[in-house]
Every structure is written in structure tokens, then in C-alpha cells.
Amino acid sequence: MNVRHGFIGGYATSLIGGARITTDIDLIIDGDPKTLQTQLVENCEDFTMSSQNKLHFQSGIHTVTIEMLRGGGERQLKLPDPKTVELVELAPRSRPGRVESTFSQLSST
């Protein structure tokens, strides 16, 4: 599943050093959220849909809610088109300790 995406919200803030208040992960994607949700659930056993129709990712004993929003075009939310936004790629090596500690915070909630 090759979908351009970006993290937004509290998770994105925590990756660059800010405080995280929420435990869900918000994504802006260049594609149809429903289609991607279906693909994830069908192809990855760690993803499930809740009875409230929310996408969940199982991380060990913890469940993380994933919300996907479509960016660009004439969307009501007026999110930026992922094709036109400068993206910052983060990996554990780019912020030593930050990415790992974010997942530790998720695991402790």
C-alpha cells in the first residue's frame, strides 16, 4: 500500500519534541480513507475496525485509534494537499530517543 501520508495532531507534535495529550494518531493521506482502511484490515492482522467503525492498530497489549483524513482538493476540512506540502521525514536515527519514547508513552497509557 503505497499511499503518501503525513502525521498530524498530537502524535506529530510529539515526534518533534512537543507534549502529547491524546493517544490516537491522525493521518492526512493522498487517497480515499475508506479504501485504505479496508486494505489495512484485509492485509495486516494488527489492524481492525471497531464496532464504532474506527480503525484500530494493536501495539502489544495496547490499542491505538488511527484517524485518516483526505487532504487536498475541495475538501470541507481544507487540509493541505499532501503533494504540495513540504514533508519532514523522521526516523529513530533523526531524533535519537524521541520516536522510541513516543511509542513508550503510547504503551503506558
N, C-alpha and C. Protein backbone atom coordinates (compact mmCIF):
# COMPACT_ATOMS: atom_id res chain seq x y z
N MET A 1 0.84 -1.16 0.00
CA MET A 1 0.00 0.00 0.00
C MET A 1 0.89 1.23 0.00
N ASN A 2 1.04 1.79 -1.14
CA ASN A 2 1.92 2.93 -1.30
C ASN A 2 1.07 4.20 -1.34
N VAL A 3 0.82 4.79 -0.17
CA VAL A 3 -0.02 5.98 -0.06
C VAL A 3 0.79 7.09 0.61
N ARG A 4 0.91 8.23 -0.08
CA ARG A 4 1.58 9.37 0.55
C ARG A 4 0.77 9.79 1.75
N HIS A 5 1.46 10.06 2.84
CA HIS A 5 0.75 10.40 4.07
C HIS A 5 1.63 11.29 4.93
N GLY A 6 1.01 11.89 5.91
CA GLY A 6 1.73 12.68 6.89
C GLY A 6 1.03 12.57 8.23
N PHE A 7 1.79 12.61 9.29
CA PHE A 7 1.22 12.59 10.63
C PHE A 7 0.86 14.02 11.02
N ILE A 8 -0.31 14.20 11.62
CA ILE A 8 -0.74 15.50 12.11
C ILE A 8 -1.24 15.31 13.53
N GLY A 9 -1.53 16.39 14.21
CA GLY A 9 -2.10 16.28 15.56
C GLY A 9 -1.04 16.02 16.62
N GLY A 10 -1.49 15.46 17.73
CA GLY A 10 -0.64 15.24 18.90
C GLY A 10 0.54 14.33 18.63
N TYR A 11 0.34 13.28 17.84
CA TYR A 11 1.45 12.37 17.54
C TYR A 11 2.56 13.10 16.79
N ALA A 12 2.18 13.89 15.79
CA ALA A 12 3.19 14.65 15.04
C ALA A 12 3.92 15.63 15.95
N THR A 13 3.18 16.28 16.83
CA THR A 13 3.80 17.21 17.78
C THR A 13 4.80 16.50 18.66
N SER A 14 4.45 15.30 19.11
CA SER A 14 5.36 14.57 20.00
C SER A 14 6.63 14.13 19.27
N LEU A 15 6.53 13.86 17.98
CA LEU A 15 7.71 13.44 17.23
C LEU A 15 8.76 14.54 17.14
N ILE A 16 8.33 15.79 17.18
CA ILE A 16 9.30 16.88 17.08
C ILE A 16 9.59 17.51 18.44
N GLY A 17 9.14 16.87 19.49
CA GLY A 17 9.54 17.30 20.82
C GLY A 17 8.47 17.92 21.68
N GLY A 18 7.25 18.06 21.19
CA GLY A 18 6.18 18.67 21.98
C GLY A 18 5.51 17.67 22.91
N ALA A 19 4.62 18.17 23.73
CA ALA A 19 3.88 17.32 24.66
C ALA A 19 2.73 16.65 23.93
N ARG A 20 2.48 15.42 24.28
CA ARG A 20 1.39 14.66 23.67
C ARG A 20 0.26 14.53 24.68
N ILE A 21 -0.95 14.94 24.30
CA ILE A 21 -2.09 14.86 25.20
C ILE A 21 -3.01 13.71 24.80
N THR A 22 -3.17 13.47 23.50
CA THR A 22 -4.07 12.42 23.03
C THR A 22 -3.30 11.14 22.73
N THR A 23 -4.02 10.03 22.63
CA THR A 23 -3.36 8.76 22.34
C THR A 23 -3.72 8.22 20.97
N ASP A 24 -4.52 8.95 20.19
CA ASP A 24 -4.81 8.50 18.84
C ASP A 24 -3.75 9.04 17.89
N ILE A 25 -3.76 8.53 16.67
CA ILE A 25 -2.85 9.01 15.64
C ILE A 25 -3.69 9.52 14.48
N ASP A 26 -3.44 10.76 14.07
CA ASP A 26 -4.16 11.37 12.96
C ASP A 26 -3.25 11.41 11.74
N LEU A 27 -3.78 10.97 10.60
CA LEU A 27 -3.02 10.98 9.35
C LEU A 27 -3.76 11.80 8.32
N ILE A 28 -3.02 12.56 7.54
CA ILE A 28 -3.57 13.16 6.34
C ILE A 28 -3.01 12.33 5.19
N ILE A 29 -3.90 11.87 4.30
CA ILE A 29 -3.44 10.97 3.25
C ILE A 29 -3.85 11.48 1.87
N ASP A 30 -3.13 11.01 0.88
CA ASP A 30 -3.42 11.30 -0.52
C ASP A 30 -4.13 10.08 -1.09
N GLY A 31 -5.38 9.92 -0.74
CA GLY A 31 -6.15 8.77 -1.17
C GLY A 31 -7.44 8.70 -0.39
N ASP A 32 -8.25 7.70 -0.71
CA ASP A 32 -9.53 7.53 -0.05
C ASP A 32 -9.35 6.81 1.29
N PRO A 33 -9.70 7.44 2.40
CA PRO A 33 -9.52 6.81 3.72
C PRO A 33 -10.23 5.46 3.85
N LYS A 34 -11.44 5.34 3.34
CA LYS A 34 -12.19 4.08 3.46
C LYS A 34 -11.48 2.95 2.72
N THR A 35 -10.96 3.26 1.53
CA THR A 35 -10.25 2.25 0.75
C THR A 35 -8.99 1.80 1.49
N LEU A 36 -8.24 2.75 2.02
CA LEU A 36 -7.01 2.40 2.74
C LEU A 36 -7.33 1.62 4.01
N GLN A 37 -8.37 2.01 4.74
CA GLN A 37 -8.76 1.27 5.94
C GLN A 37 -9.06 -0.18 5.59
N THR A 38 -9.83 -0.39 4.53
CA THR A 38 -10.18 -1.74 4.10
C THR A 38 -8.93 -2.53 3.75
N GLN A 39 -8.00 -1.93 3.01
CA GLN A 39 -6.77 -2.61 2.63
C GLN A 39 -5.94 -2.99 3.86
N LEU A 40 -5.85 -2.08 4.82
CA LEU A 40 -5.08 -2.37 6.04
C LEU A 40 -5.69 -3.52 6.82
N VAL A 41 -7.01 -3.50 7.00
CA VAL A 41 -7.68 -4.55 7.77
C VAL A 41 -7.55 -5.90 7.06
N GLU A 42 -7.67 -5.91 5.74
CA GLU A 42 -7.61 -7.15 4.98
C GLU A 42 -6.20 -7.72 4.89
N ASN A 43 -5.17 -6.87 4.95
CA ASN A 43 -3.81 -7.33 4.70
C ASN A 43 -2.87 -7.32 5.90
N CYS A 44 -3.28 -6.70 7.00
CA CYS A 44 -2.41 -6.59 8.17
C CYS A 44 -3.19 -6.99 9.41
N GLU A 45 -2.80 -8.06 10.05
CA GLU A 45 -3.57 -8.56 11.19
C GLU A 45 -3.55 -7.63 12.40
N ASP A 46 -2.64 -6.66 12.44
CA ASP A 46 -2.59 -5.72 13.56
C ASP A 46 -3.65 -4.63 13.46
N PHE A 47 -4.33 -4.52 12.31
CA PHE A 47 -5.37 -3.51 12.11
C PHE A 47 -6.74 -4.15 12.16
N THR A 48 -7.68 -3.49 12.89
CA THR A 48 -9.06 -3.96 12.97
C THR A 48 -9.99 -2.74 12.93
N MET A 49 -11.25 -3.01 12.64
CA MET A 49 -12.28 -1.97 12.70
C MET A 49 -13.12 -2.23 13.94
N SER A 50 -13.39 -1.17 14.70
CA SER A 50 -14.20 -1.29 15.91
C SER A 50 -15.68 -1.31 15.54
N SER A 51 -16.52 -1.60 16.52
CA SER A 51 -17.97 -1.58 16.30
C SER A 51 -18.45 -0.16 16.01
N GLN A 52 -17.65 0.86 16.38
CA GLN A 52 -17.98 2.26 16.07
C GLN A 52 -17.37 2.69 14.73
N ASN A 53 -16.88 1.71 13.95
CA ASN A 53 -16.31 1.96 12.64
C ASN A 53 -15.04 2.82 12.70
N LYS A 54 -14.22 2.59 13.72
CA LYS A 54 -12.93 3.28 13.85
C LYS A 54 -11.81 2.27 13.59
N LEU A 55 -10.77 2.74 12.92
CA LEU A 55 -9.62 1.89 12.64
C LEU A 55 -8.74 1.82 13.88
N HIS A 56 -8.37 0.61 14.27
CA HIS A 56 -7.51 0.41 15.43
C HIS A 56 -6.27 -0.35 15.02
N PHE A 57 -5.16 0.01 15.65
CA PHE A 57 -3.90 -0.72 15.49
C PHE A 57 -3.55 -1.32 16.83
N GLN A 58 -3.26 -2.61 16.85
CA GLN A 58 -2.91 -3.29 18.08
C GLN A 58 -1.40 -3.26 18.25
N SER A 59 -0.92 -2.57 19.30
CA SER A 59 0.50 -2.46 19.59
C SER A 59 0.76 -3.17 20.91
N GLY A 60 1.15 -4.43 20.83
CA GLY A 60 1.30 -5.22 22.05
C GLY A 60 -0.04 -5.38 22.71
N ILE A 61 -0.15 -4.96 23.97
CA ILE A 61 -1.43 -5.08 24.68
C ILE A 61 -2.27 -3.82 24.54
N HIS A 62 -1.76 -2.80 23.85
CA HIS A 62 -2.46 -1.52 23.71
C HIS A 62 -3.07 -1.37 22.33
N THR A 63 -4.22 -0.73 22.29
CA THR A 63 -4.91 -0.44 21.03
C THR A 63 -4.82 1.06 20.76
N VAL A 64 -4.38 1.40 19.56
CA VAL A 64 -4.25 2.80 19.16
C VAL A 64 -5.27 3.08 18.06
N THR A 65 -6.08 4.11 18.24
CA THR A 65 -7.05 4.52 17.21
C THR A 65 -6.33 5.35 16.16
N ILE A 66 -6.59 5.03 14.89
CA ILE A 66 -5.99 5.74 13.77
C ILE A 66 -7.10 6.47 13.03
N GLU A 67 -6.97 7.78 12.87
CA GLU A 67 -7.94 8.53 12.08
C GLU A 67 -7.26 9.04 10.82
N MET A 68 -7.89 8.76 9.68
CA MET A 68 -7.34 9.20 8.40
C MET A 68 -8.22 10.29 7.81
N LEU A 69 -7.59 11.36 7.35
CA LEU A 69 -8.29 12.47 6.71
C LEU A 69 -7.69 12.65 5.33
N ARG A 70 -8.54 12.86 4.35
CA ARG A 70 -8.05 13.07 3.00
C ARG A 70 -7.70 14.54 2.80
N GLY A 71 -6.52 14.79 2.29
CA GLY A 71 -6.08 16.16 2.07
C GLY A 71 -6.24 16.59 0.63
N GLY A 72 -6.14 17.89 0.41
CA GLY A 72 -6.15 18.44 -0.93
C GLY A 72 -7.54 18.62 -1.51
N GLY A 73 -7.56 19.08 -2.76
CA GLY A 73 -8.81 19.25 -3.48
C GLY A 73 -9.75 20.23 -2.82
N GLU A 74 -11.02 20.02 -3.00
CA GLU A 74 -12.05 20.89 -2.45
C GLU A 74 -12.67 20.29 -1.20
N ARG A 75 -11.89 19.69 -0.37
CA ARG A 75 -12.38 19.04 0.84
C ARG A 75 -12.90 20.07 1.82
N GLN A 76 -13.94 19.71 2.55
CA GLN A 76 -14.53 20.62 3.53
C GLN A 76 -13.54 21.01 4.61
N LEU A 77 -12.66 20.09 5.00
CA LEU A 77 -11.71 20.38 6.08
C LEU A 77 -10.60 21.33 5.64
N LYS A 78 -10.44 21.52 4.36
CA LYS A 78 -9.41 22.43 3.82
C LYS A 78 -8.01 22.06 4.29
N LEU A 79 -7.76 20.78 4.37
CA LEU A 79 -6.41 20.33 4.69
C LEU A 79 -5.54 20.50 3.46
N PRO A 80 -4.25 20.70 3.66
CA PRO A 80 -3.37 20.89 2.50
C PRO A 80 -3.28 19.62 1.67
N ASP A 81 -3.04 19.80 0.39
CA ASP A 81 -2.81 18.67 -0.50
C ASP A 81 -1.43 18.09 -0.16
N PRO A 82 -1.34 16.80 0.18
CA PRO A 82 -0.04 16.24 0.54
C PRO A 82 1.01 16.39 -0.55
N LYS A 83 0.59 16.57 -1.79
CA LYS A 83 1.56 16.73 -2.89
C LYS A 83 2.23 18.10 -2.86
N THR A 84 1.65 19.07 -2.15
CA THR A 84 2.17 20.44 -2.17
C THR A 84 2.83 20.87 -0.87
N VAL A 85 2.85 19.98 0.11
CA VAL A 85 3.37 20.33 1.43
C VAL A 85 4.77 19.76 1.59
N GLU A 86 5.66 20.58 2.14
CA GLU A 86 7.00 20.07 2.44
C GLU A 86 6.87 19.05 3.55
N LEU A 87 7.38 17.86 3.31
CA LEU A 87 7.28 16.80 4.29
C LEU A 87 8.59 16.66 5.04
N VAL A 88 8.49 16.38 6.31
CA VAL A 88 9.65 16.11 7.14
C VAL A 88 9.63 14.63 7.47
N GLU A 89 10.67 13.93 7.05
CA GLU A 89 10.73 12.50 7.34
C GLU A 89 11.49 12.30 8.64
N LEU A 90 10.90 11.55 9.54
CA LEU A 90 11.53 11.26 10.82
C LEU A 90 11.76 9.78 10.95
N ALA A 91 12.90 9.45 11.44
CA ALA A 91 13.24 8.07 11.75
C ALA A 91 13.91 8.09 13.12
N PRO A 92 13.97 6.95 13.79
CA PRO A 92 14.62 6.95 15.11
C PRO A 92 16.01 7.58 15.10
N ARG A 93 16.75 7.41 14.02
CA ARG A 93 18.11 7.97 13.97
C ARG A 93 18.11 9.50 13.83
N SER A 94 16.99 10.09 13.33
CA SER A 94 16.96 11.54 13.15
C SER A 94 16.62 12.29 14.43
N ARG A 95 15.99 11.65 15.36
CA ARG A 95 15.66 12.24 16.67
C ARG A 95 15.93 11.18 17.73
N PRO A 96 17.19 10.95 18.06
CA PRO A 96 17.52 9.87 18.99
C PRO A 96 16.69 9.93 20.26
N GLY A 97 16.02 8.83 20.58
CA GLY A 97 15.23 8.73 21.80
C GLY A 97 13.82 9.26 21.66
N ARG A 98 13.56 10.13 20.69
CA ARG A 98 12.24 10.78 20.60
C ARG A 98 11.17 9.82 20.08
N VAL A 99 11.44 9.13 18.97
CA VAL A 99 10.45 8.22 18.40
C VAL A 99 10.19 7.07 19.36
N GLU A 100 11.25 6.51 19.93
CA GLU A 100 11.08 5.41 20.87
C GLU A 100 10.29 5.84 22.10
N SER A 101 10.57 7.03 22.62
CA SER A 101 9.86 7.47 23.82
C SER A 101 8.40 7.77 23.51
N THR A 102 8.09 8.19 22.29
CA THR A 102 6.70 8.41 21.91
C THR A 102 5.93 7.10 21.97
N PHE A 103 6.51 6.03 21.43
CA PHE A 103 5.83 4.74 21.48
C PHE A 103 5.76 4.22 22.91
N SER A 104 6.75 4.54 23.73
CA SER A 104 6.70 4.16 25.14
C SER A 104 5.56 4.87 25.84
N GLN A 105 5.34 6.16 25.51
CA GLN A 105 4.23 6.91 26.09
C GLN A 105 2.90 6.29 25.69
N LEU A 106 2.79 5.87 24.43
CA LEU A 106 1.55 5.22 23.98
C LEU A 106 1.33 3.93 24.75
N SER A 107 2.40 3.18 24.96
CA SER A 107 2.28 1.89 25.64
C SER A 107 1.92 2.03 27.10
N SER A 108 2.25 3.17 27.70
CA SER A 108 1.99 3.33 29.14
C SER A 108 0.61 3.90 29.43
N THR A 109 -0.15 4.28 28.38
CA THR A 109 -1.49 4.84 28.62
C THR A 109 -2.55 3.77 28.58
